[in-house]
Amino acid sequence: MSSAAPTIDAAAKDAAQNGASKKGGKKKLLMLAVPLLLIAIGAGLWFGGILPPLLGMGGAHGEEHADAHGQGGKPGELKPEAEVKAKAPVFVDLPDLVANLNVGQRRSSFIKLKAKLEIARAEDQPAIMAAMPRLQDMFTTYLREMRPEELRGSAGTYRLREELVARANIAVAPARVVDVLFSEMIVQ
């Protein structure tokens, strides 16, 4: 009988220790989870752009944004007109482009494109006008290799814009084309 008593006693001690370690395990988990959760929330607020202005760090970006739109400086103070005009975008009209698309053996499909080039500096306009035949050739050659399916939807238009900007920058280097803006695009 004496052997049964120590076994029950040992079992009770083990159960008490296991209960204590379970409570300690939950405490450890809680002590790790709470700081990690706070760090994740802080990172989300930081990269979401909410935290820097709250901490007073967003002033530099705000000033750049305001200056870009001619609203910087002291409240109520207007910038000189020449300074605002210097930052105004400059556009160059492209002649209308008409090209047949790559459709294989099917009936012909065409694209008609009216666009404008947005350039980085007004001084580059003569260089771009001088390179206009090269631009038209590069754009038409690229359009002839496109399939009508590639031009569908906003994603197709976006890809076309990116490709035309890259080709325009190659054709007019060292001048820089910022964007290609579509006035009209008809795919038939």
C-alpha atoms as a PDB file:
ATOM      1  CA  MET A   1       0.000   0.000   0.000  1.00  0.00           C
ATOM      2  CA  SER A   2       2.802   2.285   0.660  1.00  0.00           C
ATOM      3  CA  SER A   3       3.850   1.991  -2.944  1.00  0.00           C
ATOM      4  CA  ALA A   4       0.474   3.287  -4.157  1.00  0.00           C
ATOM      5  CA  ALA A   5       0.680   6.453  -2.081  1.00  0.00           C
ATOM      6  CA  PRO A   6       3.895   7.767  -3.654  1.00  0.00           C
ATOM      7  CA  THR A   7       2.515   7.114  -7.153  1.00  0.00           C
ATOM      8  CA  ILE A   8      -0.605   9.152  -6.467  1.00  0.00           C
ATOM      9  CA  ASP A   9       1.517  11.868  -4.881  1.00  0.00           C
ATOM     10  CA  ALA A  10       3.858  11.953  -7.894  1.00  0.00           C
ATOM     11  CA  ALA A  11       0.910  12.074 -10.287  1.00  0.00           C
ATOM     12  CA  ALA A  12      -0.623  14.986  -8.380  1.00  0.00           C
ATOM     13  CA  LYS A  13       2.696  16.863  -8.459  1.00  0.00           C
ATOM     14  CA  ASP A  14       3.084  16.263 -12.205  1.00  0.00           C
ATOM     15  CA  ALA A  15      -0.449  17.515 -12.825  1.00  0.00           C
ATOM     16  CA  ALA A  16       0.220  20.639 -10.761  1.00  0.00           C
ATOM     17  CA  GLN A  17       3.439  21.321 -12.670  1.00  0.00           C
ATOM     18  CA  ASN A  18       1.758  20.757 -16.064  1.00  0.00           C
ATOM     19  CA  GLY A  19      -1.023  23.192 -15.134  1.00  0.00           C
ATOM     20  CA  ALA A  20       1.550  25.772 -14.088  1.00  0.00           C
ATOM     21  CA  SER A  21       3.548  25.294 -17.290  1.00  0.00           C
ATOM     22  CA  LYS A  22       0.386  25.646 -19.416  1.00  0.00           C
ATOM     23  CA  LYS A  23      -0.355  28.963 -17.728  1.00  0.00           C
ATOM     24  CA  GLY A  24       3.267  29.993 -18.251  1.00  0.00           C
ATOM     25  CA  GLY A  25       3.056  28.962 -21.929  1.00  0.00           C
ATOM     26  CA  LYS A  26       0.015  31.162 -22.473  1.00  0.00           C
ATOM     27  CA  LYS A  27       1.785  34.021 -20.735  1.00  0.00           C
ATOM     28  CA  LYS A  28       4.857  33.606 -22.945  1.00  0.00           C
ATOM     29  CA  LEU A  29       2.717  33.462 -26.060  1.00  0.00           C
ATOM     30  CA  LEU A  30       0.872  36.607 -25.006  1.00  0.00           C
ATOM     31  CA  MET A  31       4.142  38.398 -24.201  1.00  0.00           C
ATOM     32  CA  LEU A  32       5.432  37.598 -27.715  1.00  0.00           C
ATOM     33  CA  ALA A  33       2.223  38.185 -29.660  1.00  0.00           C
ATOM     34  CA  VAL A  34       1.356  41.638 -28.288  1.00  0.00           C
ATOM     35  CA  PRO A  35       4.665  43.347 -29.250  1.00  0.00           C
ATOM     36  CA  LEU A  36       4.646  41.659 -32.667  1.00  0.00           C
ATOM     37  CA  LEU A  37       1.080  42.831 -33.255  1.00  0.00           C
ATOM     38  CA  LEU A  38       1.988  46.401 -32.231  1.00  0.00           C
ATOM     39  CA  ILE A  39       5.018  46.364 -34.548  1.00  0.00           C
ATOM     40  CA  ALA A  40       2.881  45.107 -37.444  1.00  0.00           C
ATOM     41  CA  ILE A  41       0.266  47.826 -36.854  1.00  0.00           C
ATOM     42  CA  GLY A  42       2.980  50.491 -36.635  1.00  0.00           C
ATOM     43  CA  ALA A  43       4.598  49.295 -39.867  1.00  0.00           C
ATOM     44  CA  GLY A  44       1.235  49.324 -41.616  1.00  0.00           C
ATOM     45  CA  LEU A  45       0.555  52.874 -40.475  1.00  0.00           C
ATOM     46  CA  TRP A  46       4.071  53.978 -41.447  1.00  0.00           C
ATOM     47  CA  PHE A  47       4.049  52.504 -44.954  1.00  0.00           C
ATOM     48  CA  GLY A  48       0.430  53.528 -45.425  1.00  0.00           C
ATOM     49  CA  GLY A  49       1.551  57.133 -45.004  1.00  0.00           C
ATOM     50  CA  ILE A  50      -0.566  57.801 -41.918  1.00  0.00           C
ATOM     51  CA  LEU A  51       2.114  57.770 -39.213  1.00  0.00           C
ATOM     52  CA  PRO A  52       4.790  60.155 -40.660  1.00  0.00           C
ATOM     53  CA  PRO A  53       2.495  63.223 -40.754  1.00  0.00           C
ATOM     54  CA  LEU A  54       1.294  62.438 -37.228  1.00  0.00           C
ATOM     55  CA  LEU A  55       4.904  62.412 -36.052  1.00  0.00           C
ATOM     56  CA  GLY A  56       5.689  65.663 -37.880  1.00  0.00           C
ATOM     57  CA  MET A  57       7.821  63.936 -40.512  1.00  0.00           C
ATOM     58  CA  GLY A  58       5.459  64.493 -43.437  1.00  0.00           C
ATOM     59  CA  GLY A  59       6.305  68.174 -43.898  1.00  0.00           C
ATOM     60  CA  ALA A  60       9.021  67.689 -46.535  1.00  0.00           C
ATOM     61  CA  HIS A  61       6.801  65.666 -48.866  1.00  0.00           C
ATOM     62  CA  GLY A  62       3.914  68.060 -48.389  1.00  0.00           C
ATOM     63  CA  GLU A  63       6.107  71.032 -49.282  1.00  0.00           C
ATOM     64  CA  GLU A  64       7.369  69.323 -52.430  1.00  0.00           C
ATOM     65  CA  HIS A  65       3.799  68.522 -53.449  1.00  0.00           C
ATOM     66  CA  ALA A  66       2.672  72.078 -52.804  1.00  0.00           C
ATOM     67  CA  ASP A  67       5.667  73.518 -54.676  1.00  0.00           C
ATOM     68  CA  ALA A  68       4.962  71.304 -57.667  1.00  0.00           C
ATOM     69  CA  HIS A  69       1.515  72.849 -57.911  1.00  0.00           C
ATOM     70  CA  GLY A  70       2.673  76.411 -57.332  1.00  0.00           C
ATOM     71  CA  GLN A  71       1.203  76.624 -53.836  1.00  0.00           C
ATOM     72  CA  GLY A  72       4.337  76.567 -51.679  1.00  0.00           C
ATOM     73  CA  GLY A  73       5.680  79.337 -49.503  1.00  0.00           C
ATOM     74  CA  LYS A  74       3.851  81.278 -46.847  1.00  0.00           C
ATOM     75  CA  PRO A  75       0.073  81.147 -46.638  1.00  0.00           C
ATOM     76  CA  GLY A  76      -1.474  83.789 -48.854  1.00  0.00           C
ATOM     77  CA  GLU A  77       1.779  84.322 -50.769  1.00  0.00           C
ATOM     78  CA  LEU A  78       1.582  83.780 -54.525  1.00  0.00           C
ATOM     79  CA  LYS A  79       4.511  82.574 -56.594  1.00  0.00           C
ATOM     80  CA  PRO A  80       5.705  84.669 -59.527  1.00  0.00           C
ATOM     81  CA  GLU A  81       3.951  83.736 -62.749  1.00  0.00           C
ATOM     82  CA  ALA A  82       7.228  82.927 -64.540  1.00  0.00           C
ATOM     83  CA  GLU A  83       8.128  80.341 -61.904  1.00  0.00           C
ATOM     84  CA  VAL A  84       4.735  78.621 -62.209  1.00  0.00           C
ATOM     85  CA  LYS A  85       4.950  78.591 -66.021  1.00  0.00           C
ATOM     86  CA  ALA A  86       8.390  76.997 -65.902  1.00  0.00           C
ATOM     87  CA  LYS A  87       6.879  73.930 -64.243  1.00  0.00           C
ATOM     88  CA  ALA A  88       3.848  73.712 -66.541  1.00  0.00           C
ATOM     89  CA  PRO A  89       3.875  70.587 -68.720  1.00  0.00           C
ATOM     90  CA  VAL A  90       4.809  70.930 -72.381  1.00  0.00           C
ATOM     91  CA  PHE A  91       2.981  68.878 -75.004  1.00  0.00           C
ATOM     92  CA  VAL A  92       3.914  68.075 -78.591  1.00  0.00           C
ATOM     93  CA  ASP A  93       1.237  66.817 -80.993  1.00  0.00           C
ATOM     94  CA  LEU A  94       1.968  63.652 -82.899  1.00  0.00           C
ATOM     95  CA  PRO A  95       0.564  63.329 -86.413  1.00  0.00           C
ATOM     96  CA  ASP A  96      -2.280  60.818 -86.672  1.00  0.00           C
ATOM     97  CA  LEU A  97      -0.980  57.268 -86.935  1.00  0.00           C
ATOM     98  CA  VAL A  98      -2.834  54.572 -88.874  1.00  0.00           C
ATOM     99  CA  ALA A  99      -1.407  51.051 -88.925  1.00  0.00           C
ATOM    100  CA  ASN A 100      -2.676  47.601 -89.743  1.00  0.00           C
ATOM    101  CA  LEU A 101      -2.470  45.202 -86.810  1.00  0.00           C
ATOM    102  CA  ASN A 102      -0.984  41.717 -86.856  1.00  0.00           C
ATOM    103  CA  VAL A 103      -4.001  39.420 -87.280  1.00  0.00           C
ATOM    104  CA  GLY A 104      -2.455  36.571 -89.258  1.00  0.00           C
ATOM    105  CA  GLN A 105      -4.726  35.038 -91.942  1.00  0.00           C
ATOM    106  CA  ARG A 106      -7.919  36.772 -90.751  1.00  0.00           C
ATOM    107  CA  ARG A 107      -9.359  39.895 -92.327  1.00  0.00           C
ATOM    108  CA  SER A 108      -7.431  43.122 -91.808  1.00  0.00           C
ATOM    109  CA  SER A 109      -7.654  45.071 -88.573  1.00  0.00           C
ATOM    110  CA  PHE A 110      -6.446  48.655 -88.206  1.00  0.00           C
ATOM    111  CA  ILE A 111      -5.622  51.081 -85.429  1.00  0.00           C
ATOM    112  CA  LYS A 112      -5.959  54.842 -85.661  1.00  0.00           C
ATOM    113  CA  LEU A 113      -4.100  56.732 -82.970  1.00  0.00           C
ATOM    114  CA  LYS A 114      -4.069  60.426 -82.070  1.00  0.00           C
ATOM    115  CA  ALA A 115      -1.630  61.233 -79.292  1.00  0.00           C
ATOM    116  CA  LYS A 116       0.443  63.936 -77.639  1.00  0.00           C
ATOM    117  CA  LEU A 117       3.896  63.655 -76.137  1.00  0.00           C
ATOM    118  CA  GLU A 118       4.496  65.222 -72.738  1.00  0.00           C
ATOM    119  CA  ILE A 119       8.103  66.346 -72.610  1.00  0.00           C
ATOM    120  CA  ALA A 120      10.294  67.174 -69.643  1.00  0.00           C
ATOM    121  CA  ARG A 121      11.563  70.579 -70.824  1.00  0.00           C
ATOM    122  CA  ALA A 122      10.245  73.149 -73.267  1.00  0.00           C
ATOM    123  CA  GLU A 123      13.762  73.525 -74.732  1.00  0.00           C
ATOM    124  CA  ASP A 124      13.518  69.950 -76.071  1.00  0.00           C
ATOM    125  CA  GLN A 125      10.590  70.736 -78.368  1.00  0.00           C
ATOM    126  CA  PRO A 126      12.721  71.581 -81.481  1.00  0.00           C
ATOM    127  CA  ALA A 127      14.736  68.368 -81.039  1.00  0.00           C
ATOM    128  CA  ILE A 128      11.540  66.326 -80.796  1.00  0.00           C
ATOM    129  CA  MET A 129      10.073  67.997 -83.887  1.00  0.00           C
ATOM    130  CA  ALA A 130      13.301  67.199 -85.755  1.00  0.00           C
ATOM    131  CA  ALA A 131      13.042  63.544 -84.672  1.00  0.00           C
ATOM    132  CA  MET A 132       9.325  63.276 -85.579  1.00  0.00           C
ATOM    133  CA  PRO A 133       9.852  61.082 -88.689  1.00  0.00           C
ATOM    134  CA  ARG A 134      11.877  58.646 -86.597  1.00  0.00           C
ATOM    135  CA  LEU A 135       9.164  58.670 -83.900  1.00  0.00           C
ATOM    136  CA  GLN A 136       6.427  57.972 -86.438  1.00  0.00           C
ATOM    137  CA  ASP A 137       8.426  55.106 -87.929  1.00  0.00           C
ATOM    138  CA  MET A 138       9.138  53.504 -84.553  1.00  0.00           C
ATOM    139  CA  PHE A 139       5.528  53.848 -83.405  1.00  0.00           C
ATOM    140  CA  THR A 140       4.071  52.511 -86.660  1.00  0.00           C
ATOM    141  CA  THR A 141       6.492  49.578 -86.722  1.00  0.00           C
ATOM    142  CA  TYR A 142       5.560  48.680 -83.147  1.00  0.00           C
ATOM    143  CA  LEU A 143       1.821  49.018 -83.810  1.00  0.00           C
ATOM    144  CA  ARG A 144       2.053  46.716 -86.864  1.00  0.00           C
ATOM    145  CA  GLU A 145       3.320  43.906 -84.612  1.00  0.00           C
ATOM    146  CA  MET A 146       0.504  44.278 -82.071  1.00  0.00           C
ATOM    147  CA  ARG A 147      -2.544  42.020 -82.101  1.00  0.00           C
ATOM    148  CA  PRO A 148      -6.027  43.449 -81.429  1.00  0.00           C
ATOM    149  CA  GLU A 149      -6.297  41.258 -78.296  1.00  0.00           C
ATOM    150  CA  GLU A 150      -3.270  43.014 -76.792  1.00  0.00           C
ATOM    151  CA  LEU A 151      -5.024  46.393 -76.979  1.00  0.00           C
ATOM    152  CA  ARG A 152      -8.176  45.383 -75.100  1.00  0.00           C
ATOM    153  CA  GLY A 153      -9.001  47.017 -71.807  1.00  0.00           C
ATOM    154  CA  SER A 154      -7.139  49.508 -69.710  1.00  0.00           C
ATOM    155  CA  ALA A 155      -4.226  47.114 -69.152  1.00  0.00           C
ATOM    156  CA  GLY A 156      -3.639  46.931 -72.910  1.00  0.00           C
ATOM    157  CA  THR A 157      -3.739  50.712 -73.221  1.00  0.00           C
ATOM    158  CA  TYR A 158      -1.328  51.054 -70.302  1.00  0.00           C
ATOM    159  CA  ARG A 159       1.146  48.581 -71.839  1.00  0.00           C
ATOM    160  CA  LEU A 160       0.910  50.419 -75.171  1.00  0.00           C
ATOM    161  CA  ARG A 161       1.619  53.740 -73.454  1.00  0.00           C
ATOM    162  CA  GLU A 162       4.659  52.333 -71.619  1.00  0.00           C
ATOM    163  CA  GLU A 163       6.096  50.836 -74.805  1.00  0.00           C
ATOM    164  CA  LEU A 164       5.579  54.061 -76.764  1.00  0.00           C
ATOM    165  CA  VAL A 165       7.249  56.135 -74.029  1.00  0.00           C
ATOM    166  CA  ALA A 166      10.265  53.799 -74.057  1.00  0.00           C
ATOM    167  CA  ARG A 167      10.528  53.975 -77.850  1.00  0.00           C
ATOM    168  CA  ALA A 168      10.069  57.757 -77.875  1.00  0.00           C
ATOM    169  CA  ASN A 169      12.909  58.207 -75.377  1.00  0.00           C
ATOM    170  CA  ILE A 170      15.170  56.117 -77.590  1.00  0.00           C
ATOM    171  CA  ALA A 171      14.246  58.122 -80.703  1.00  0.00           C
ATOM    172  CA  VAL A 172      14.626  61.602 -79.201  1.00  0.00           C
ATOM    173  CA  ALA A 173      17.597  61.052 -76.861  1.00  0.00           C
ATOM    174  CA  PRO A 174      19.028  63.115 -75.114  1.00  0.00           C
ATOM    175  CA  ALA A 175      15.637  64.851 -74.863  1.00  0.00           C
ATOM    176  CA  ARG A 176      13.192  63.122 -72.513  1.00  0.00           C
ATOM    177  CA  VAL A 177       9.560  62.156 -73.089  1.00  0.00           C
ATOM    178  CA  VAL A 178       7.623  61.901 -69.828  1.00  0.00           C
ATOM    179  CA  ASP A 179       4.367  60.423 -71.130  1.00  0.00           C
ATOM    180  CA  VAL A 180       2.298  59.627 -74.198  1.00  0.00           C
ATOM    181  CA  LEU A 181      -1.280  60.867 -73.886  1.00  0.00           C
ATOM    182  CA  PHE A 182      -3.934  59.361 -76.134  1.00  0.00           C
ATOM    183  CA  SER A 183      -6.525  61.735 -77.582  1.00  0.00           C
ATOM    184  CA  GLU A 184      -8.172  59.059 -79.703  1.00  0.00           C
ATOM    185  CA  MET A 185      -7.574  55.362 -80.258  1.00  0.00           C
ATOM    186  CA  ILE A 186      -9.779  53.392 -82.625  1.00  0.00           C
ATOM    187  CA  VAL A 187      -9.233  49.695 -83.266  1.00  0.00           C
ATOM    188  CA  GLN A 188     -11.222  48.328 -86.205  1.00  0.00           C
END
